[in-house]
């Protein structure tokens, strides 16, 4: 119906380990990384409109063609020819430039919502095929399943690796450039520890000794607060802490809720955007008509 308003949530991710294996001739990098979800989310409202328009409540986020939401709309329109124009309103909560996948998550949800609203009948695999130029994390967010991503991030082996512990994630109010992070990272084609085995077989309190994000070596010297924040997570009582993706956000994994809550409150008091995610969290991937 023309007057329907559709709502859905777009979730953030964190990387559980990230191995940069080689620099490819294309300029991309071959990686392997574990991907799981946070409760940190953006909220979408979509309705038919006289023209395509994107409104975001955070004025620091551009709404022009550089925004992945607009790129996703253009990609789908080019592929199938959309029947209507839409107003996208986004309540933006996931920080940009944080390594949390907010842009890719937004692009994936845009494709999924238009696929449902316009009754296009495209499968997840078809959406992934047409989204390959939008971002390496987009296929993960289309599938909505945790797993190990390989290649340039498009090849995902679905495994339940969502930690059954509390996750506290903090953005240090400094954005990290993904190209810069990879530019200054030395690839290692032969990591010391097998990522899949570590995530599925090792106890989580062993992770700090064997599970690495290779991009920390290039980001922490440039964004000191991220490195300091990782140390702070351990001081708060985390059993494992790491930067996510190309940064600059850092997360800590906590066994006990009161320890996680103390860390969460402490970071909020320092005026850092912070999220706490429940053990075994599963995102709601539903797309709903607003009552």
Protein backbone atom coordinates (compact mmCIF):
# COMPACT_ATOMS: atom_id res chain seq x y z
CA UNK A 1 0.00 0.00 0.00
CA UNK A 2 1.23 3.50 -0.88
CA UNK A 3 0.76 4.82 2.67
CA UNK A 4 2.52 1.95 4.44
CA UNK A 5 5.53 2.73 6.60
CA UNK A 6 8.11 -0.06 6.88
CA UNK A 7 10.52 -0.34 9.81
CA UNK A 8 13.61 -2.45 10.50
CA UNK A 9 16.92 -2.31 12.37
CA UNK A 10 20.44 -2.29 10.96
CA UNK A 11 22.99 -3.89 13.30
CA UNK A 12 26.70 -3.39 13.94
CA UNK A 13 29.34 -6.11 13.90
CA UNK A 14 32.68 -6.80 15.51
CA UNK A 15 35.61 -8.81 14.21
CA UNK A 16 36.82 -11.72 16.32
CA UNK A 17 40.41 -11.76 15.11
CA UNK A 18 41.50 -10.43 11.72
CA UNK A 19 44.37 -11.89 9.70
CA UNK A 20 45.65 -9.81 6.77
CA UNK A 21 47.10 -12.55 4.56
CA UNK A 22 48.24 -10.77 1.38
CA UNK A 23 47.98 -7.62 -0.67
CA UNK A 24 46.18 -8.38 -3.95
CA UNK A 25 46.97 -6.84 -7.38
CA UNK A 26 43.51 -5.23 -7.30
CA UNK A 27 44.52 -3.16 -4.27
CA UNK A 28 42.29 -5.19 -1.96
CA UNK A 29 43.64 -7.55 0.69
CA UNK A 30 43.00 -11.24 1.32
CA UNK A 31 41.85 -11.64 4.90
CA UNK A 32 40.21 -14.05 7.29
CA UNK A 33 38.14 -12.89 10.22
CA UNK A 34 35.33 -13.91 12.54
CA UNK A 35 32.17 -11.81 12.34
CA UNK A 36 29.46 -11.54 14.97
CA UNK A 37 26.74 -9.06 15.97
CA UNK A 38 26.25 -6.25 18.43
CA UNK A 39 22.98 -4.88 19.76
CA UNK A 40 24.18 -1.49 18.55
CA UNK A 41 21.72 -0.58 15.80
CA UNK A 42 20.39 2.06 13.42
CA UNK A 43 16.62 2.28 12.93
CA UNK A 44 15.07 2.62 9.46
CA UNK A 45 11.64 3.94 8.45
CA UNK A 46 10.78 3.71 4.74
CA UNK A 47 7.70 4.97 2.87
CA UNK A 48 6.74 5.82 -0.69
CA UNK A 49 7.54 9.41 -1.71
CA UNK A 50 7.45 11.68 -4.79
CA UNK A 51 11.25 11.31 -5.13
CA UNK A 52 14.05 9.22 -3.69
CA UNK A 53 15.27 10.92 -0.53
CA UNK A 54 17.50 10.00 2.40
CA UNK A 55 17.16 11.71 5.79
CA UNK A 56 19.57 10.94 8.66
CA UNK A 57 19.19 12.44 12.12
CA UNK A 58 23.00 12.77 12.43
CA UNK A 59 23.99 15.82 10.39
CA UNK A 60 27.64 14.71 10.26
CA UNK A 61 26.67 11.77 8.00
CA UNK A 62 26.43 12.75 4.31
CA UNK A 63 23.18 11.95 2.50
CA UNK A 64 24.57 12.36 -1.04
CA UNK A 65 25.70 9.67 -3.50
CA UNK A 66 28.66 8.82 -1.23
CA UNK A 67 26.25 7.25 1.27
CA UNK A 68 26.01 3.47 0.86
CA UNK A 69 22.23 3.62 1.30
CA UNK A 70 21.94 5.70 -1.87
CA UNK A 71 24.46 3.48 -3.63
CA UNK A 72 22.41 0.40 -2.69
CA UNK A 73 19.22 2.02 -4.02
CA UNK A 74 20.96 2.93 -7.29
CA UNK A 75 22.44 -0.56 -7.65
CA UNK A 76 19.08 -2.26 -7.14
CA UNK A 77 17.28 0.19 -9.45
CA UNK A 78 19.87 -0.46 -12.15
CA UNK A 79 19.45 -4.22 -11.69
CA UNK A 80 15.64 -4.56 -11.55
CA UNK A 81 14.10 -1.11 -12.15
CA UNK A 82 12.27 0.01 -8.98
CA UNK A 83 8.58 0.80 -9.43
CA UNK A 84 8.38 3.60 -6.83
CA UNK A 85 10.41 6.28 -5.08
CA UNK A 86 10.96 6.18 -1.32
CA UNK A 87 11.83 8.33 1.64
CA UNK A 88 14.41 6.63 3.87
CA UNK A 89 14.57 8.01 7.40
CA UNK A 90 17.45 6.68 9.50
CA UNK A 91 17.91 7.07 13.25
CA UNK A 92 21.71 6.76 13.23
CA UNK A 93 23.34 5.29 16.32
CA UNK A 94 26.26 3.19 14.98
CA UNK A 95 29.34 5.47 14.81
CA UNK A 96 31.00 5.97 11.42
CA UNK A 97 34.72 5.27 10.92
CA UNK A 98 34.65 2.86 13.84
CA UNK A 99 35.14 -0.57 12.22
CA UNK A 100 31.60 -1.55 13.22
CA UNK A 101 30.29 -2.03 9.67
CA UNK A 102 27.54 0.57 9.97
CA UNK A 103 27.65 1.64 6.32
CA UNK A 104 27.69 -1.92 5.01
CA UNK A 105 24.90 -2.89 7.40
CA UNK A 106 22.81 0.06 6.17
CA UNK A 107 23.41 -0.93 2.52
CA UNK A 108 22.42 -4.54 3.20
CA UNK A 109 19.22 -3.52 4.98
CA UNK A 110 18.34 -1.11 2.16
CA UNK A 111 18.55 -3.97 -0.35
CA UNK A 112 16.55 -6.30 1.89
CA UNK A 113 13.82 -3.73 2.60
CA UNK A 114 13.34 -2.76 -1.05
CA UNK A 115 13.33 -6.43 -2.02
CA UNK A 116 10.46 -7.00 0.42
CA UNK A 117 8.53 -3.75 -0.14
CA UNK A 118 8.59 -4.07 -3.94
CA UNK A 119 8.05 -7.85 -3.76
CA UNK A 120 11.05 -8.46 -6.03
CA UNK A 121 11.53 -12.04 -4.88
CA UNK A 122 15.33 -11.88 -5.01
CA UNK A 123 17.19 -14.50 -2.97
CA UNK A 124 19.95 -13.63 -0.49
CA UNK A 125 22.52 -14.94 -2.96
CA UNK A 126 21.14 -12.70 -5.72
CA UNK A 127 21.28 -9.68 -3.42
CA UNK A 128 24.86 -10.58 -2.53
CA UNK A 129 25.84 -10.89 -6.20
CA UNK A 130 24.61 -7.41 -7.04
CA UNK A 131 26.07 -5.87 -3.88
CA UNK A 132 29.70 -6.87 -4.38
CA UNK A 133 30.87 -3.34 -5.18
CA UNK A 134 29.18 -1.85 -2.11
CA UNK A 135 31.50 -3.21 0.57
CA UNK A 136 33.20 -6.35 1.84
CA UNK A 137 30.85 -6.73 4.84
CA UNK A 138 27.59 -6.36 2.90
CA UNK A 139 27.20 -10.14 2.20
CA UNK A 140 27.57 -10.86 5.94
CA UNK A 141 24.80 -8.39 6.77
CA UNK A 142 22.52 -9.74 4.04
CA UNK A 143 22.85 -13.30 5.35
CA UNK A 144 22.53 -12.27 8.99
CA UNK A 145 24.56 -15.24 10.26
CA UNK A 146 27.82 -15.25 12.21
CA UNK A 147 30.82 -16.94 10.65
CA UNK A 148 34.33 -16.83 9.23
CA UNK A 149 34.83 -14.42 6.33
CA UNK A 150 37.65 -15.07 3.85
CA UNK A 151 39.00 -13.69 0.58
CA UNK A 152 38.17 -9.98 0.51
CA UNK A 153 35.38 -10.71 2.99
CA UNK A 154 32.72 -12.04 0.62
CA UNK A 155 33.31 -15.76 1.27
CA UNK A 156 31.57 -16.59 4.54
CA UNK A 157 31.55 -19.96 6.31
CA UNK A 158 28.53 -19.82 8.60
CA UNK A 159 29.45 -20.92 12.12
CA UNK A 160 27.84 -19.96 15.42
CA UNK A 161 30.61 -17.90 16.97
CA UNK A 162 28.46 -15.30 18.76
CA UNK A 163 30.12 -15.13 22.20
CA UNK A 164 28.01 -16.36 25.08
CA UNK A 165 29.43 -13.52 27.15
CA UNK A 166 28.81 -9.80 27.57
CA UNK A 167 30.42 -7.54 24.96
CA UNK A 168 31.18 -3.91 25.76
CA UNK A 169 32.13 -1.87 22.68
CA UNK A 170 33.39 1.70 22.73
CA UNK A 171 34.08 4.32 20.04
CA UNK A 172 36.92 6.68 21.03
CA UNK A 173 35.49 9.63 19.06
CA UNK A 174 38.25 9.42 16.45
CA UNK A 175 37.47 7.91 13.05
CA UNK A 176 39.87 5.45 11.43
CA UNK A 177 40.48 5.32 7.67
CA UNK A 178 40.21 1.78 6.29
CA UNK A 179 42.61 2.45 3.36
CA UNK A 180 45.16 3.94 5.77
CA UNK A 181 44.84 0.99 8.15
CA UNK A 182 45.57 -1.53 5.38
CA UNK A 183 48.26 0.65 3.76
CA UNK A 184 50.44 0.56 6.88
CA UNK A 185 49.80 -3.11 7.75
CA UNK A 186 52.34 -5.79 6.83
CA UNK A 187 50.46 -8.87 5.50
CA UNK A 188 51.31 -12.25 7.01
CA UNK A 189 50.36 -15.22 4.78
CA UNK A 190 51.10 -17.75 7.55
CA UNK A 191 49.44 -16.77 10.87
CA UNK A 192 50.72 -18.44 14.01
CA UNK A 193 47.28 -19.72 15.03
CA UNK A 194 44.32 -21.12 13.09
CA UNK A 195 41.44 -18.65 13.36
CA UNK A 196 38.56 -21.12 13.06
CA UNK A 197 40.10 -23.51 15.58
CA UNK A 198 40.73 -20.66 18.01
CA UNK A 199 37.15 -19.40 17.81
CA UNK A 200 35.49 -22.81 18.03
CA UNK A 201 37.80 -24.85 20.27
CA UNK A 202 39.87 -22.58 22.53
CA UNK A 203 38.60 -21.21 25.82
CA UNK A 204 37.89 -17.50 25.57
CA UNK A 205 40.37 -16.60 28.30
CA UNK A 206 43.11 -17.99 26.03
CA UNK A 207 42.18 -15.66 23.18
CA UNK A 208 44.31 -12.76 24.38
CA UNK A 209 47.42 -14.84 23.74
CA UNK A 210 46.52 -16.24 20.30
CA UNK A 211 43.75 -14.15 18.68
CA UNK A 212 44.98 -11.01 16.92
CA UNK A 213 43.64 -8.19 14.79
CA UNK A 214 46.56 -7.53 12.46
CA UNK A 215 45.34 -3.98 11.75
CA UNK A 216 46.05 -2.89 15.33
CA UNK A 217 49.73 -2.59 14.38
CA UNK A 218 48.94 0.19 11.92
CA UNK A 219 46.05 1.93 13.73
CA UNK A 220 47.25 2.17 17.34
CA UNK A 221 50.36 4.28 16.52
CA UNK A 222 48.10 6.78 14.72
CA UNK A 223 45.07 6.64 17.06
CA UNK A 224 46.63 6.25 20.48
CA UNK A 225 43.30 6.39 22.30
CA UNK A 226 42.26 3.08 20.69
CA UNK A 227 45.30 1.29 22.08
CA UNK A 228 44.75 2.89 25.47
CA UNK A 229 41.11 1.83 25.36
CA UNK A 230 42.11 -1.80 24.73
CA UNK A 231 44.29 -1.68 27.85
CA UNK A 232 41.40 -0.07 29.72
CA UNK A 233 39.10 -2.97 28.81
CA UNK A 234 41.49 -5.40 30.49
CA UNK A 235 41.74 -3.10 33.52
CA UNK A 236 37.94 -3.17 33.72
CA UNK A 237 38.12 -7.00 33.85
CA UNK A 238 37.66 -8.17 30.25
CA UNK A 239 38.77 -11.72 29.48
CA UNK A 240 39.52 -10.60 25.91
CA UNK A 241 39.81 -7.19 24.24
CA UNK A 242 40.52 -6.12 20.69
CA UNK A 243 40.04 -3.43 18.10
CA UNK A 244 37.29 -4.29 15.64
CA UNK A 245 37.91 -4.19 11.89
CA UNK A 246 40.07 -1.29 10.77
CA UNK A 247 39.16 0.60 13.94
CA UNK A 248 38.88 2.76 15.77
CA UNK A 249 36.31 1.11 18.08
CA UNK A 250 37.49 -1.39 20.69
CA UNK A 251 35.52 -4.08 22.47
CA UNK A 252 35.95 -6.14 25.59
CA UNK A 253 34.37 -9.52 26.35
CA UNK A 254 33.26 -10.02 29.94
CA UNK A 255 32.16 -13.17 31.77
CA UNK A 256 30.08 -11.46 34.48
CA UNK A 257 27.30 -8.96 33.94
CA UNK A 258 28.21 -6.66 36.85
CA UNK A 259 31.80 -6.38 35.60
CA UNK A 260 30.56 -5.58 32.08
CA UNK A 261 28.08 -3.05 33.47
CA UNK A 262 30.85 -1.34 35.44
CA UNK A 263 32.96 -1.06 32.28
CA UNK A 264 29.99 0.20 30.27
CA UNK A 265 29.14 2.91 32.79
CA UNK A 266 32.77 3.90 33.22
CA UNK A 267 33.26 4.45 29.49
CA UNK A 268 30.00 6.38 29.19
CA UNK A 269 31.16 8.67 31.99
CA UNK A 270 34.21 9.48 29.83
CA UNK A 271 31.80 10.65 27.08
CA UNK A 272 32.63 7.81 24.69
CA UNK A 273 29.73 6.28 22.69
CA UNK A 274 29.44 2.81 24.22
CA UNK A 275 27.28 -0.28 23.77
CA UNK A 276 26.70 -3.41 25.86
CA UNK A 277 25.55 -6.56 24.08
CA UNK A 278 23.98 -9.53 25.86
CA UNK A 279 25.44 -13.06 25.79
CA UNK A 280 24.41 -15.10 22.75
CA UNK A 281 22.72 -12.11 21.12
CA UNK A 282 20.74 -12.76 17.92
CA UNK A 283 19.63 -9.78 15.80
CA UNK A 284 15.99 -9.31 14.79
CA UNK A 285 16.14 -9.44 10.98
CA UNK A 286 12.44 -8.79 10.55
CA UNK A 287 11.08 -6.06 8.29
CA UNK A 288 7.72 -4.86 9.59
CA UNK A 289 4.81 -2.64 8.63
CA UNK A 290 4.53 0.11 11.22
CA UNK A 291 1.24 -0.06 13.08
